[in-house]
Amino acid sequence: MPKNSLRIGIALAAGLLLFGVGEVRAGPTEEQILTRVCADMWGQSPARDSCTSAEITADVGDSEDDDRCEISAVCPTGDGEGSQTSDVTVHPSHVPDLNNCDGELTNGSC
C-alpha cells in the first residue's frame, strides 16, 4: 500500500472513532493530523528547551516524503542578551533534531 494511502487510511480510522450513536462527525483532516505529529516531534527536540512561543503548522505533500513541518519560535541568542524569531521548514522526522544555535533553529548540531 502506498504511504499516502496509509495516511488516508489512518485519518479515516481516526474519523470513524469519532462517530457518535445517531450522529456523524467529520474526523481530523490530514493537515490536522500532521500538525499534531509536528507538535509531538517538537516536544522531543533540544530547541524546545530554550525556544518559546512556538507556532507549528504542517504542509501535507503529495507523498509522505513531501510532508513538511513549519515551525516559528522565539529563541535566545548565545550571549543571553536577546532573542529572535527563527523559522524553519523540515520533514517531520527531522523535527526532533532541531537545535537553537545562537538564536537560529538548526537541523542537527550547531
C-alpha atoms as a PDB file:
ATOM      1  CA  MET A   1       0.000   0.000   0.000  1.00  0.00           C
ATOM      2  CA  PRO A   2       1.447   3.455  -0.901  1.00  0.00           C
ATOM      3  CA  LYS A   3       2.409   5.623   2.065  1.00  0.00           C
ATOM      4  CA  ASN A   4      -0.134   8.315   1.160  1.00  0.00           C
ATOM      5  CA  SER A   5      -2.889   5.693   1.161  1.00  0.00           C
ATOM      6  CA  LEU A   6      -1.751   4.573   4.599  1.00  0.00           C
ATOM      7  CA  ARG A   7      -2.069   8.141   5.914  1.00  0.00           C
ATOM      8  CA  ILE A   8      -5.529   8.470   4.405  1.00  0.00           C
ATOM      9  CA  GLY A   9      -6.483   5.156   5.992  1.00  0.00           C
ATOM     10  CA  ILE A  10      -5.258   6.346   9.383  1.00  0.00           C
ATOM     11  CA  ALA A  11      -7.212   9.585   9.000  1.00  0.00           C
ATOM     12  CA  LEU A  12     -10.353   7.657   8.068  1.00  0.00           C
ATOM     13  CA  ALA A  13      -9.910   5.272  11.001  1.00  0.00           C
ATOM     14  CA  ALA A  14      -9.482   8.231  13.347  1.00  0.00           C
ATOM     15  CA  GLY A  15     -12.650   9.726  11.890  1.00  0.00           C
ATOM     16  CA  LEU A  16     -14.574   6.516  12.460  1.00  0.00           C
ATOM     17  CA  LEU A  17     -13.590   6.573  16.117  1.00  0.00           C
ATOM     18  CA  LEU A  18     -15.286   9.963  16.423  1.00  0.00           C
ATOM     19  CA  PHE A  19     -18.688   8.737  15.183  1.00  0.00           C
ATOM     20  CA  GLY A  20     -21.356   9.020  17.854  1.00  0.00           C
ATOM     21  CA  VAL A  21     -24.531   6.990  18.095  1.00  0.00           C
ATOM     22  CA  GLY A  22     -27.102   8.501  15.753  1.00  0.00           C
ATOM     23  CA  GLU A  23     -24.805  11.284  14.541  1.00  0.00           C
ATOM     24  CA  VAL A  24     -21.977  11.654  12.109  1.00  0.00           C
ATOM     25  CA  ARG A  25     -18.985  13.905  12.780  1.00  0.00           C
ATOM     26  CA  ALA A  26     -16.105  14.561  10.473  1.00  0.00           C
ATOM     27  CA  GLY A  27     -12.728  13.266  11.625  1.00  0.00           C
ATOM     28  CA  PRO A  28      -9.494  15.214  11.634  1.00  0.00           C
ATOM     29  CA  THR A  29      -8.023  16.261   8.317  1.00  0.00           C
ATOM     30  CA  GLU A  30      -4.619  15.075   7.115  1.00  0.00           C
ATOM     31  CA  GLU A  31      -3.277  18.548   7.850  1.00  0.00           C
ATOM     32  CA  GLN A  32      -4.590  18.431  11.436  1.00  0.00           C
ATOM     33  CA  ILE A  33      -3.067  15.001  11.973  1.00  0.00           C
ATOM     34  CA  LEU A  34       0.294  16.075  10.536  1.00  0.00           C
ATOM     35  CA  THR A  35       0.267  19.280  12.600  1.00  0.00           C
ATOM     36  CA  ARG A  36      -0.186  17.150  15.732  1.00  0.00           C
ATOM     37  CA  VAL A  37       2.701  14.911  14.649  1.00  0.00           C
ATOM     38  CA  CYS A  38       4.869  18.003  14.125  1.00  0.00           C
ATOM     39  CA  ALA A  39       3.945  19.332  17.584  1.00  0.00           C
ATOM     40  CA  ASP A  40       4.746  15.974  19.182  1.00  0.00           C
ATOM     41  CA  MET A  41       8.115  15.882  17.409  1.00  0.00           C
ATOM     42  CA  TRP A  42       8.840  19.480  18.532  1.00  0.00           C
ATOM     43  CA  GLY A  43       8.360  18.282  22.108  1.00  0.00           C
ATOM     44  CA  GLN A  44      11.295  15.893  21.588  1.00  0.00           C
ATOM     45  CA  SER A  45      13.697  18.499  20.189  1.00  0.00           C
ATOM     46  CA  PRO A  46      16.509  20.134  22.194  1.00  0.00           C
ATOM     47  CA  ALA A  47      15.397  23.526  20.819  1.00  0.00           C
ATOM     48  CA  ARG A  48      12.115  23.273  22.706  1.00  0.00           C
ATOM     49  CA  ASP A  49      14.008  23.651  25.988  1.00  0.00           C
ATOM     50  CA  SER A  50      15.211  27.158  25.135  1.00  0.00           C
ATOM     51  CA  CYS A  51      12.859  28.500  22.456  1.00  0.00           C
ATOM     52  CA  THR A  52       9.389  29.787  23.312  1.00  0.00           C
ATOM     53  CA  SER A  53       6.185  30.865  21.606  1.00  0.00           C
ATOM     54  CA  ALA A  54       6.432  28.108  19.016  1.00  0.00           C
ATOM     55  CA  GLU A  55       3.879  28.257  16.223  1.00  0.00           C
ATOM     56  CA  ILE A  56       3.654  24.947  14.408  1.00  0.00           C
ATOM     57  CA  THR A  57       1.865  24.264  11.152  1.00  0.00           C
ATOM     58  CA  ALA A  58       2.064  21.475   8.619  1.00  0.00           C
ATOM     59  CA  ASP A  59       2.115  21.182   4.862  1.00  0.00           C
ATOM     60  CA  VAL A  60       0.818  17.841   3.590  1.00  0.00           C
ATOM     61  CA  GLY A  61       2.717  16.818   0.472  1.00  0.00           C
ATOM     62  CA  ASP A  62       1.750  14.576  -2.411  1.00  0.00           C
ATOM     63  CA  SER A  63       3.587  11.762  -0.643  1.00  0.00           C
ATOM     64  CA  GLU A  64       4.803  11.222   2.920  1.00  0.00           C
ATOM     65  CA  ASP A  65       8.315  12.175   1.789  1.00  0.00           C
ATOM     66  CA  ASP A  66       6.972  15.595   0.776  1.00  0.00           C
ATOM     67  CA  ASP A  67       5.303  16.384   4.142  1.00  0.00           C
ATOM     68  CA  ARG A  68       6.763  19.367   5.982  1.00  0.00           C
ATOM     69  CA  CYS A  69       6.563  20.897   9.453  1.00  0.00           C
ATOM     70  CA  GLU A  70       6.776  24.671   9.579  1.00  0.00           C
ATOM     71  CA  ILE A  71       7.985  25.960  12.939  1.00  0.00           C
ATOM     72  CA  SER A  72       8.426  29.540  14.084  1.00  0.00           C
ATOM     73  CA  ALA A  73       9.794  30.154  17.583  1.00  0.00           C
ATOM     74  CA  VAL A  74      11.459  32.866  19.636  1.00  0.00           C
ATOM     75  CA  CYS A  75      14.945  31.632  20.516  1.00  0.00           C
ATOM     76  CA  PRO A  76      17.513  33.259  22.799  1.00  0.00           C
ATOM     77  CA  THR A  77      20.854  34.179  21.296  1.00  0.00           C
ATOM     78  CA  GLY A  78      24.071  32.632  22.602  1.00  0.00           C
ATOM     79  CA  ASP A  79      25.120  35.708  24.545  1.00  0.00           C
ATOM     80  CA  GLY A  80      21.899  35.583  26.558  1.00  0.00           C
ATOM     81  CA  GLU A  81      21.314  39.261  25.851  1.00  0.00           C
ATOM     82  CA  GLY A  82      18.482  38.891  23.406  1.00  0.00           C
ATOM     83  CA  SER A  83      16.284  36.659  21.362  1.00  0.00           C
ATOM     84  CA  GLN A  84      14.977  36.498  17.844  1.00  0.00           C
ATOM     85  CA  THR A  85      12.261  34.790  15.885  1.00  0.00           C
ATOM     86  CA  SER A  86      13.541  31.867  13.882  1.00  0.00           C
ATOM     87  CA  ASP A  87      11.634  29.943  11.210  1.00  0.00           C
ATOM     88  CA  VAL A  88      12.384  26.508   9.822  1.00  0.00           C
ATOM     89  CA  THR A  89      10.628  24.084   7.478  1.00  0.00           C
ATOM     90  CA  VAL A  90      11.679  20.436   7.757  1.00  0.00           C
ATOM     91  CA  HIS A  91      10.370  16.924   7.277  1.00  0.00           C
ATOM     92  CA  PRO A  92       8.595  15.665  10.433  1.00  0.00           C
ATOM     93  CA  SER A  93      11.347  13.094  11.045  1.00  0.00           C
ATOM     94  CA  HIS A  94      13.900  15.928  11.372  1.00  0.00           C
ATOM     95  CA  VAL A  95      11.991  17.994  13.945  1.00  0.00           C
ATOM     96  CA  PRO A  96      13.460  16.111  16.965  1.00  0.00           C
ATOM     97  CA  ASP A  97      16.927  17.089  15.653  1.00  0.00           C
ATOM     98  CA  LEU A  98      16.275  20.846  15.840  1.00  0.00           C
ATOM     99  CA  ASN A  99      18.678  22.857  17.993  1.00  0.00           C
ATOM    100  CA  ASN A 100      18.852  26.506  18.987  1.00  0.00           C
ATOM    101  CA  CYS A 101      22.146  27.700  17.519  1.00  0.00           C
ATOM    102  CA  ASP A 102      22.668  31.297  18.675  1.00  0.00           C
ATOM    103  CA  GLY A 103      19.006  32.137  18.147  1.00  0.00           C
ATOM    104  CA  GLU A 104      18.530  30.172  14.931  1.00  0.00           C
ATOM    105  CA  LEU A 105      16.622  26.905  14.650  1.00  0.00           C
ATOM    106  CA  THR A 106      19.044  24.487  13.007  1.00  0.00           C
ATOM    107  CA  ASN A 107      18.524  20.915  11.866  1.00  0.00           C
ATOM    108  CA  GLY A 108      21.304  18.948  13.538  1.00  0.00           C
ATOM    109  CA  SER A 109      24.167  20.144  15.687  1.00  0.00           C
ATOM    110  CA  CYS A 110      25.343  23.749  15.735  1.00  0.00           C
END
